[in-house]
Amino acid sequence: MGCLRAWNDVDYCRNELQSDPWGVLDEEKMNVDGGAIAIGHPVGASGARIVLHLLHALKARGKQRGMATICIGGGLGGAMLVETC
């Protein structure tokens, strides 16, 4: 949750991100069914599992857009913005 506060902090955004604050993110829309471990964490297939779960969650909620994120390790991460028809 520290990231949420940082993204809305004027000084942090200007000094570290060279950006304006991103604004308040709705925490009710984040990890609606839990993270990778909560939904099953198959070694080597986490990304596919997370994206598939996102697609099912969007359909169940009648939504069109969502974001899947994953920790890759070594300080890296990945993200995918998904939009359905």
PDB file of N, CA and C in Angstrom:
ATOM      1  N   MET A   1       0.817  -1.186   0.000  1.00  0.00           N
ATOM      2  CA  MET A   1       0.000   0.000   0.000  1.00  0.00           C
ATOM      3  C   MET A   1       0.864   1.256   0.000  1.00  0.00           C
ATOM      4  N   GLY A   2       2.147   1.087   0.280  1.00  0.00           N
ATOM      5  CA  GLY A   2       3.058   2.221   0.221  1.00  0.00           C
ATOM      6  C   GLY A   2       3.111   2.819  -1.175  1.00  0.00           C
ATOM      7  N   CYS A   3       3.006   1.974  -2.195  1.00  0.00           N
ATOM      8  CA  CYS A   3       3.019   2.471  -3.575  1.00  0.00           C
ATOM      9  C   CYS A   3       1.827   3.378  -3.833  1.00  0.00           C
ATOM     10  N   LEU A   4       0.680   3.021  -3.284  1.00  0.00           N
ATOM     11  CA  LEU A   4      -0.512   3.845  -3.488  1.00  0.00           C
ATOM     12  C   LEU A   4      -0.307   5.237  -2.915  1.00  0.00           C
ATOM     13  N   ARG A   5       0.284   5.312  -1.728  1.00  0.00           N
ATOM     14  CA  ARG A   5       0.545   6.623  -1.121  1.00  0.00           C
ATOM     15  C   ARG A   5       1.607   7.388  -1.917  1.00  0.00           C
ATOM     16  N   ALA A   6       2.633   6.675  -2.384  1.00  0.00           N
ATOM     17  CA  ALA A   6       3.708   7.324  -3.141  1.00  0.00           C
ATOM     18  C   ALA A   6       3.185   7.916  -4.446  1.00  0.00           C
ATOM     19  N   TRP A   7       2.334   7.190  -5.154  1.00  0.00           N
ATOM     20  CA  TRP A   7       1.811   7.657  -6.439  1.00  0.00           C
ATOM     21  C   TRP A   7       0.942   8.895  -6.296  1.00  0.00           C
ATOM     22  N   ASN A   8       0.470   9.172  -5.102  1.00  0.00           N
ATOM     23  CA  ASN A   8      -0.373  10.340  -4.871  1.00  0.00           C
ATOM     24  C   ASN A   8       0.384  11.459  -4.161  1.00  0.00           C
ATOM     25  N   ASP A   9       1.683  11.252  -3.898  1.00  0.00           N
ATOM     26  CA  ASP A   9       2.507  12.236  -3.205  1.00  0.00           C
ATOM     27  C   ASP A   9       3.196  13.150  -4.226  1.00  0.00           C
ATOM     28  N   VAL A  10       2.920  14.443  -4.145  1.00  0.00           N
ATOM     29  CA  VAL A  10       3.442  15.407  -5.126  1.00  0.00           C
ATOM     30  C   VAL A  10       4.963  15.383  -5.165  1.00  0.00           C
ATOM     31  N   ASP A  11       5.618  15.482  -4.011  1.00  0.00           N
ATOM     32  CA  ASP A  11       7.086  15.521  -3.978  1.00  0.00           C
ATOM     33  C   ASP A  11       7.701  14.243  -4.532  1.00  0.00           C
ATOM     34  N   TYR A  12       7.189  13.103  -4.117  1.00  0.00           N
ATOM     35  CA  TYR A  12       7.731  11.832  -4.603  1.00  0.00           C
ATOM     36  C   TYR A  12       7.596  11.732  -6.123  1.00  0.00           C
ATOM     37  N   CYS A  13       6.422  12.026  -6.641  1.00  0.00           N
ATOM     38  CA  CYS A  13       6.196  11.911  -8.084  1.00  0.00           C
ATOM     39  C   CYS A  13       7.094  12.850  -8.878  1.00  0.00           C
ATOM     40  N   ARG A  14       7.239  14.072  -8.408  1.00  0.00           N
ATOM     41  CA  ARG A  14       8.075  15.031  -9.141  1.00  0.00           C
ATOM     42  C   ARG A  14       9.551  14.674  -9.049  1.00  0.00           C
ATOM     43  N   ASN A  15      10.027  14.282  -7.859  1.00  0.00           N
ATOM     44  CA  ASN A  15      11.452  14.012  -7.661  1.00  0.00           C
ATOM     45  C   ASN A  15      11.887  12.649  -8.179  1.00  0.00           C
ATOM     46  N   GLU A  16      11.060  11.632  -8.008  1.00  0.00           N
ATOM     47  CA  GLU A  16      11.462  10.271  -8.358  1.00  0.00           C
ATOM     48  C   GLU A  16      10.937   9.808  -9.714  1.00  0.00           C
ATOM     49  N   LEU A  17       9.760  10.261 -10.092  1.00  0.00           N
ATOM     50  CA  LEU A  17       9.132   9.796 -11.330  1.00  0.00           C
ATOM     51  C   LEU A  17       9.093  10.855 -12.425  1.00  0.00           C
ATOM     52  N   GLN A  18       9.504  12.083 -12.062  1.00  0.00           N
ATOM     53  CA  GLN A  18       9.426  13.207 -12.995  1.00  0.00           C
ATOM     54  C   GLN A  18       8.030  13.275 -13.613  1.00  0.00           C
ATOM     55  N   SER A  19       7.028  13.218 -12.755  1.00  0.00           N
ATOM     56  CA  SER A  19       5.632  13.157 -13.185  1.00  0.00           C
ATOM     57  C   SER A  19       4.750  13.869 -12.175  1.00  0.00           C
ATOM     58  N   ASP A  20       3.545  14.156 -12.586  1.00  0.00           N
ATOM     59  CA  ASP A  20       2.540  14.633 -11.646  1.00  0.00           C
ATOM     60  C   ASP A  20       1.987  13.423 -10.900  1.00  0.00           C
ATOM     61  N   PRO A  21       1.376  13.633  -9.739  1.00  0.00           N
ATOM     62  CA  PRO A  21       0.764  12.509  -9.019  1.00  0.00           C
ATOM     63  C   PRO A  21      -0.252  11.787  -9.896  1.00  0.00           C
ATOM     64  N   TRP A  22      -0.334  10.488  -9.728  1.00  0.00           N
ATOM     65  CA  TRP A  22      -1.209   9.664 -10.552  1.00  0.00           C
ATOM     66  C   TRP A  22      -2.652   9.729 -10.104  1.00  0.00           C
ATOM     67  N   GLY A  23      -2.875  10.156  -8.883  1.00  0.00           N
ATOM     68  CA  GLY A  23      -4.236  10.196  -8.357  1.00  0.00           C
ATOM     69  C   GLY A  23      -4.528   8.981  -7.505  1.00  0.00           C
ATOM     70  N   VAL A  24      -5.653   9.013  -6.869  1.00  0.00           N
ATOM     71  CA  VAL A  24      -6.050   7.944  -5.962  1.00  0.00           C
ATOM     72  C   VAL A  24      -6.587   6.756  -6.763  1.00  0.00           C
ATOM     73  N   LEU A  25      -6.059   5.576  -6.486  1.00  0.00           N
ATOM     74  CA  LEU A  25      -6.541   4.358  -7.131  1.00  0.00           C
ATOM     75  C   LEU A  25      -7.581   3.699  -6.228  1.00  0.00           C
ATOM     76  N   ASP A  26      -8.627   3.177  -6.810  1.00  0.00           N
ATOM     77  CA  ASP A  26      -9.697   2.526  -6.062  1.00  0.00           C
ATOM     78  C   ASP A  26      -9.229   1.143  -5.610  1.00  0.00           C
ATOM     79  N   GLU A  27      -8.926   1.010  -4.324  1.00  0.00           N
ATOM     80  CA  GLU A  27      -8.416  -0.254  -3.792  1.00  0.00           C
ATOM     81  C   GLU A  27      -9.431  -1.387  -3.894  1.00  0.00           C
ATOM     82  N   GLU A  28     -10.701  -1.072  -4.024  1.00  0.00           N
ATOM     83  CA  GLU A  28     -11.728  -2.108  -4.170  1.00  0.00           C
ATOM     84  C   GLU A  28     -11.603  -2.839  -5.508  1.00  0.00           C
ATOM     85  N   LYS A  29     -10.876  -2.235  -6.462  1.00  0.00           N
ATOM     86  CA  LYS A  29     -10.707  -2.842  -7.775  1.00  0.00           C
ATOM     87  C   LYS A  29      -9.374  -3.573  -7.908  1.00  0.00           C
ATOM     88  N   MET A  30      -8.588  -3.606  -6.850  1.00  0.00           N
ATOM     89  CA  MET A  30      -7.266  -4.226  -6.892  1.00  0.00           C
ATOM     90  C   MET A  30      -7.310  -5.609  -6.245  1.00  0.00           C
ATOM     91  N   ASN A  31      -6.722  -6.598  -6.927  1.00  0.00           N
ATOM     92  CA  ASN A  31      -6.664  -7.969  -6.403  1.00  0.00           C
ATOM     93  C   ASN A  31      -8.024  -8.429  -5.897  1.00  0.00           C
ATOM     94  N   VAL A  32      -9.027  -8.315  -6.735  1.00  0.00           N
ATOM     95  CA  VAL A  32     -10.403  -8.600  -6.304  1.00  0.00           C
ATOM     96  C   VAL A  32     -10.586 -10.039  -5.818  1.00  0.00           C
ATOM     97  N   ASP A  33      -9.786 -10.971  -6.296  1.00  0.00           N
ATOM     98  CA  ASP A  33      -9.866 -12.364  -5.853  1.00  0.00           C
ATOM     99  C   ASP A  33      -8.579 -12.826  -5.180  1.00  0.00           C
ATOM    100  N   GLY A  34      -7.725 -11.896  -4.801  1.00  0.00           N
ATOM    101  CA  GLY A  34      -6.447 -12.250  -4.186  1.00  0.00           C
ATOM    102  C   GLY A  34      -5.339 -12.310  -5.219  1.00  0.00           C
ATOM    103  N   GLY A  35      -4.128 -12.507  -4.747  1.00  0.00           N
ATOM    104  CA  GLY A  35      -2.961 -12.553  -5.625  1.00  0.00           C
ATOM    105  C   GLY A  35      -2.677 -13.956  -6.143  1.00  0.00           C
ATOM    106  N   ALA A  36      -1.483 -14.133  -6.716  1.00  0.00           N
ATOM    107  CA  ALA A  36      -1.110 -15.390  -7.370  1.00  0.00           C
ATOM    108  C   ALA A  36      -1.184 -16.587  -6.438  1.00  0.00           C
ATOM    109  N   ILE A  37      -0.738 -16.437  -5.215  1.00  0.00           N
ATOM    110  CA  ILE A  37      -0.759 -17.568  -4.286  1.00  0.00           C
ATOM    111  C   ILE A  37      -2.193 -17.920  -3.915  1.00  0.00           C
ATOM    112  N   ALA A  38      -3.044 -16.920  -3.743  1.00  0.00           N
ATOM    113  CA  ALA A  38      -4.439 -17.164  -3.361  1.00  0.00           C
ATOM    114  C   ALA A  38      -5.218 -17.897  -4.447  1.00  0.00           C
ATOM    115  N   ILE A  39      -4.875 -17.667  -5.713  1.00  0.00           N
ATOM    116  CA  ILE A  39      -5.634 -18.298  -6.802  1.00  0.00           C
ATOM    117  C   ILE A  39      -4.924 -19.518  -7.381  1.00  0.00           C
ATOM    118  N   GLY A  40      -3.799 -19.897  -6.809  1.00  0.00           N
ATOM    119  CA  GLY A  40      -3.018 -21.024  -7.320  1.00  0.00           C
ATOM    120  C   GLY A  40      -1.781 -20.500  -8.016  1.00  0.00           C
ATOM    121  N   HIS A  41      -0.647 -21.082  -7.709  1.00  0.00           N
ATOM    122  CA  HIS A  41       0.635 -20.536  -8.157  1.00  0.00           C
ATOM    123  C   HIS A  41       1.477 -21.633  -8.803  1.00  0.00           C
ATOM    124  N   PRO A  42       1.089 -22.113  -9.993  1.00  0.00           N
ATOM    125  CA  PRO A  42       1.864 -23.169 -10.639  1.00  0.00           C
ATOM    126  C   PRO A  42       3.207 -22.645 -11.134  1.00  0.00           C
ATOM    127  N   VAL A  43       4.282 -23.302 -10.736  1.00  0.00           N
ATOM    128  CA  VAL A  43       5.629 -22.864 -11.114  1.00  0.00           C
ATOM    129  C   VAL A  43       5.756 -22.862 -12.639  1.00  0.00           C
ATOM    130  N   GLY A  44       6.216 -21.757 -13.186  1.00  0.00           N
ATOM    131  CA  GLY A  44       6.431 -21.637 -14.617  1.00  0.00           C
ATOM    132  C   GLY A  44       5.193 -21.274 -15.421  1.00  0.00           C
ATOM    133  N   ALA A  45       4.043 -21.220 -14.772  1.00  0.00           N
ATOM    134  CA  ALA A  45       2.814 -20.911 -15.504  1.00  0.00           C
ATOM    135  C   ALA A  45       2.006 -19.815 -14.822  1.00  0.00           C
ATOM    136  N   SER A  46       2.625 -19.094 -13.911  1.00  0.00           N
ATOM    137  CA  SER A  46       1.891 -18.079 -13.146  1.00  0.00           C
ATOM    138  C   SER A  46       1.292 -17.006 -14.043  1.00  0.00           C
ATOM    139  N   GLY A  47       2.044 -16.539 -15.029  1.00  0.00           N
ATOM    140  CA  GLY A  47       1.542 -15.484 -15.911  1.00  0.00           C
ATOM    141  C   GLY A  47       0.288 -15.907 -16.652  1.00  0.00           C
ATOM    142  N   ALA A  48       0.321 -17.103 -17.230  1.00  0.00           N
ATOM    143  CA  ALA A  48      -0.848 -17.617 -17.946  1.00  0.00           C
ATOM    144  C   ALA A  48      -2.020 -17.793 -16.988  1.00  0.00           C
ATOM    145  N   ARG A  49      -1.745 -18.278 -15.789  1.00  0.00           N
ATOM    146  CA  ARG A  49      -2.800 -18.494 -14.786  1.00  0.00           C
ATOM    147  C   ARG A  49      -3.441 -17.169 -14.384  1.00  0.00           C
ATOM    148  N   ILE A  50      -2.624 -16.148 -14.177  1.00  0.00           N
ATOM    149  CA  ILE A  50      -3.136 -14.844 -13.758  1.00  0.00           C
ATOM    150  C   ILE A  50      -3.977 -14.210 -14.869  1.00  0.00           C
ATOM    151  N   VAL A  51      -3.504 -14.276 -16.110  1.00  0.00           N
ATOM    152  CA  VAL A  51      -4.252 -13.690 -17.234  1.00  0.00           C
ATOM    153  C   VAL A  51      -5.571 -14.432 -17.445  1.00  0.00           C
ATOM    154  N   LEU A  52      -5.550 -15.760 -17.386  1.00  0.00           N
ATOM    155  CA  LEU A  52      -6.782 -16.530 -17.542  1.00  0.00           C
ATOM    156  C   LEU A  52      -7.771 -16.197 -16.429  1.00  0.00           C
ATOM    157  N   HIS A  53      -7.276 -16.091 -15.201  1.00  0.00           N
ATOM    158  CA  HIS A  53      -8.152 -15.732 -14.082  1.00  0.00           C
ATOM    159  C   HIS A  53      -8.745 -14.337 -14.298  1.00  0.00           C
ATOM    160  N   LEU A  54      -7.928 -13.400 -14.787  1.00  0.00           N
ATOM    161  CA  LEU A  54      -8.416 -12.048 -15.069  1.00  0.00           C
ATOM    162  C   LEU A  54      -9.539 -12.081 -16.102  1.00  0.00           C
ATOM    163  N   LEU A  55      -9.363 -12.839 -17.173  1.00  0.00           N
ATOM    164  CA  LEU A  55     -10.399 -12.921 -18.207  1.00  0.00           C
ATOM    165  C   LEU A  55     -11.710 -13.464 -17.642  1.00  0.00           C
ATOM    166  N   HIS A  56     -11.627 -14.499 -16.816  1.00  0.00           N
ATOM    167  CA  HIS A  56     -12.839 -15.044 -16.190  1.00  0.00           C
ATOM    168  C   HIS A  56     -13.460 -14.037 -15.227  1.00  0.00           C
ATOM    169  N   ALA A  57     -12.629 -13.312 -14.461  1.00  0.00           N
ATOM    170  CA  ALA A  57     -13.140 -12.315 -13.512  1.00  0.00           C
ATOM    171  C   ALA A  57     -13.829 -11.165 -14.244  1.00  0.00           C
ATOM    172  N   LEU A  58     -13.262 -10.727 -15.370  1.00  0.00           N
ATOM    173  CA  LEU A  58     -13.891  -9.662 -16.157  1.00  0.00           C
ATOM    174  C   LEU A  58     -15.261 -10.111 -16.666  1.00  0.00           C
ATOM    175  N   LYS A  59     -15.322 -11.326 -17.185  1.00  0.00           N
ATOM    176  CA  LYS A  59     -16.594 -11.848 -17.697  1.00  0.00           C
ATOM    177  C   LYS A  59     -17.633 -11.948 -16.579  1.00  0.00           C
ATOM    178  N   ALA A  60     -17.220 -12.459 -15.421  1.00  0.00           N
ATOM    179  CA  ALA A  60     -18.149 -12.633 -14.302  1.00  0.00           C
ATOM    180  C   ALA A  60     -18.686 -11.301 -13.789  1.00  0.00           C
ATOM    181  N   ARG A  61     -17.878 -10.254 -13.897  1.00  0.00           N
ATOM    182  CA  ARG A  61     -18.277  -8.940 -13.390  1.00  0.00           C
ATOM    183  C   ARG A  61     -18.856  -8.036 -14.476  1.00  0.00           C
ATOM    184  N   GLY A  62     -18.899  -8.518 -15.720  1.00  0.00           N
ATOM    185  CA  GLY A  62     -19.426  -7.716 -16.819  1.00  0.00           C
ATOM    186  C   GLY A  62     -18.550  -6.518 -17.148  1.00  0.00           C
ATOM    187  N   LYS A  63     -17.248  -6.671 -16.977  1.00  0.00           N
ATOM    188  CA  LYS A  63     -16.293  -5.584 -17.240  1.00  0.00           C
ATOM    189  C   LYS A  63     -15.514  -5.880 -18.508  1.00  0.00           C
ATOM    190  N   GLN A  64     -14.881  -4.841 -19.077  1.00  0.00           N
ATOM    191  CA  GLN A  64     -14.132  -5.013 -20.322  1.00  0.00           C
ATOM    192  C   GLN A  64     -12.624  -4.877 -20.162  1.00  0.00           C
ATOM    193  N   ARG A  65     -12.161  -4.115 -19.181  1.00  0.00           N
ATOM    194  CA  ARG A  65     -10.722  -3.878 -19.045  1.00  0.00           C
ATOM    195  C   ARG A  65     -10.223  -4.279 -17.664  1.00  0.00           C
ATOM    196  N   GLY A  66      -9.011  -4.830 -17.658  1.00  0.00           N
ATOM    197  CA  GLY A  66      -8.367  -5.190 -16.405  1.00  0.00           C
ATOM    198  C   GLY A  66      -6.868  -5.273 -16.611  1.00  0.00           C
ATOM    199  N   MET A  67      -6.130  -5.312 -15.523  1.00  0.00           N
ATOM    200  CA  MET A  67      -4.681  -5.388 -15.602  1.00  0.00           C
ATOM    201  C   MET A  67      -4.185  -6.590 -14.815  1.00  0.00           C
ATOM    202  N   ALA A  68      -3.319  -7.367 -15.438  1.00  0.00           N
ATOM    203  CA  ALA A  68      -2.669  -8.496 -14.782  1.00  0.00           C
ATOM    204  C   ALA A  68      -1.219  -8.112 -14.527  1.00  0.00           C
ATOM    205  N   THR A  69      -0.736  -8.362 -13.322  1.00  0.00           N
ATOM    206  CA  THR A  69       0.656  -8.069 -12.983  1.00  0.00           C
ATOM    207  C   THR A  69       1.289  -9.296 -12.359  1.00  0.00           C
ATOM    208  N   ILE A  70       2.617  -9.384 -12.468  1.00  0.00           N
ATOM    209  CA  ILE A  70       3.330 -10.533 -11.928  1.00  0.00           C
ATOM    210  C   ILE A  70       4.719 -10.111 -11.465  1.00  0.00           C
ATOM    211  N   CYS A  71       5.139 -10.690 -10.364  1.00  0.00           N
ATOM    212  CA  CYS A  71       6.508 -10.528  -9.881  1.00  0.00           C
ATOM    213  C   CYS A  71       7.358 -11.549 -10.619  1.00  0.00           C
ATOM    214  N   ILE A  72       8.409 -11.090 -11.258  1.00  0.00           N
ATOM    215  CA  ILE A  72       9.268 -11.996 -12.015  1.00  0.00           C
ATOM    216  C   ILE A  72      10.438 -12.474 -11.162  1.00  0.00           C
ATOM    217  N   GLY A  73      10.811 -11.709 -10.171  1.00  0.00           N
ATOM    218  CA  GLY A  73      11.956 -12.048  -9.330  1.00  0.00           C
ATOM    219  C   GLY A  73      13.131 -11.156  -9.665  1.00  0.00           C
ATOM    220  N   GLY A  74      14.047 -11.047  -8.740  1.00  0.00           N
ATOM    221  CA  GLY A  74      15.221 -10.207  -8.965  1.00  0.00           C
ATOM    222  C   GLY A  74      14.874  -8.740  -9.104  1.00  0.00           C
ATOM    223  N   GLY A  75      13.761  -8.329  -8.522  1.00  0.00           N
ATOM    224  CA  GLY A  75      13.354  -6.932  -8.594  1.00  0.00           C
ATOM    225  C   GLY A  75      12.602  -6.566  -9.859  1.00  0.00           C
ATOM    226  N   LEU A  76      12.287  -7.539 -10.681  1.00  0.00           N
ATOM    227  CA  LEU A  76      11.583  -7.279 -11.938  1.00  0.00           C
ATOM    228  C   LEU A  76      10.102  -7.603 -11.805  1.00  0.00           C
ATOM    229  N   GLY A  77       9.331  -7.133 -12.746  1.00  0.00           N
ATOM    230  CA  GLY A  77       7.906  -7.419 -12.773  1.00  0.00           C
ATOM    231  C   GLY A  77       7.382  -7.268 -14.187  1.00  0.00           C
ATOM    232  N   GLY A  78       6.190  -7.734 -14.395  1.00  0.00           N
ATOM    233  CA  GLY A  78       5.552  -7.607 -15.694  1.00  0.00           C
ATOM    234  C   GLY A  78       4.100  -7.218 -15.509  1.00  0.00           C
ATOM    235  N   ALA A  79       3.520  -6.616 -16.527  1.00  0.00           N
ATOM    236  CA  ALA A  79       2.118  -6.209 -16.455  1.00  0.00           C
ATOM    237  C   ALA A  79       1.507  -6.290 -17.849  1.00  0.00           C
ATOM    238  N   MET A  80       0.206  -6.562 -17.872  1.00  0.00           N
ATOM    239  CA  MET A  80      -0.517  -6.629 -19.137  1.00  0.00           C
ATOM    240  C   MET A  80      -1.893  -5.998 -18.940  1.00  0.00           C
ATOM    241  N   LEU A  81      -2.221  -5.058 -19.804  1.00  0.00           N
ATOM    242  CA  LEU A  81      -3.556  -4.466 -19.817  1.00  0.00           C
ATOM    243  C   LEU A  81      -4.388  -5.262 -20.816  1.00  0.00           C
ATOM    244  N   VAL A  82      -5.527  -5.775 -20.358  1.00  0.00           N
ATOM    245  CA  VAL A  82      -6.384  -6.629 -21.177  1.00  0.00           C
ATOM    246  C   VAL A  82      -7.692  -5.907 -21.439  1.00  0.00           C
ATOM    247  N   GLU A  83      -8.139  -5.938 -22.692  1.00  0.00           N
ATOM    248  CA  GLU A  83      -9.446  -5.386 -23.042  1.00  0.00           C
ATOM    249  C   GLU A  83     -10.191  -6.435 -23.854  1.00  0.00           C
ATOM    250  N   THR A  84     -11.394  -6.769 -23.405  1.00  0.00           N
ATOM    251  CA  THR A  84     -12.194  -7.769 -24.101  1.00  0.00           C
ATOM    252  C   THR A  84     -13.202  -7.089 -25.022  1.00  0.00           C
ATOM    253  N   CYS A  85     -13.739  -7.848 -25.948  1.00  0.00           N
ATOM    254  CA  CYS A  85     -14.727  -7.325 -26.897  1.00  0.00           C
ATOM    255  C   CYS A  85     -16.118  -7.451 -26.346  1.00  0.00           C
TER     256      CYS A  85
END
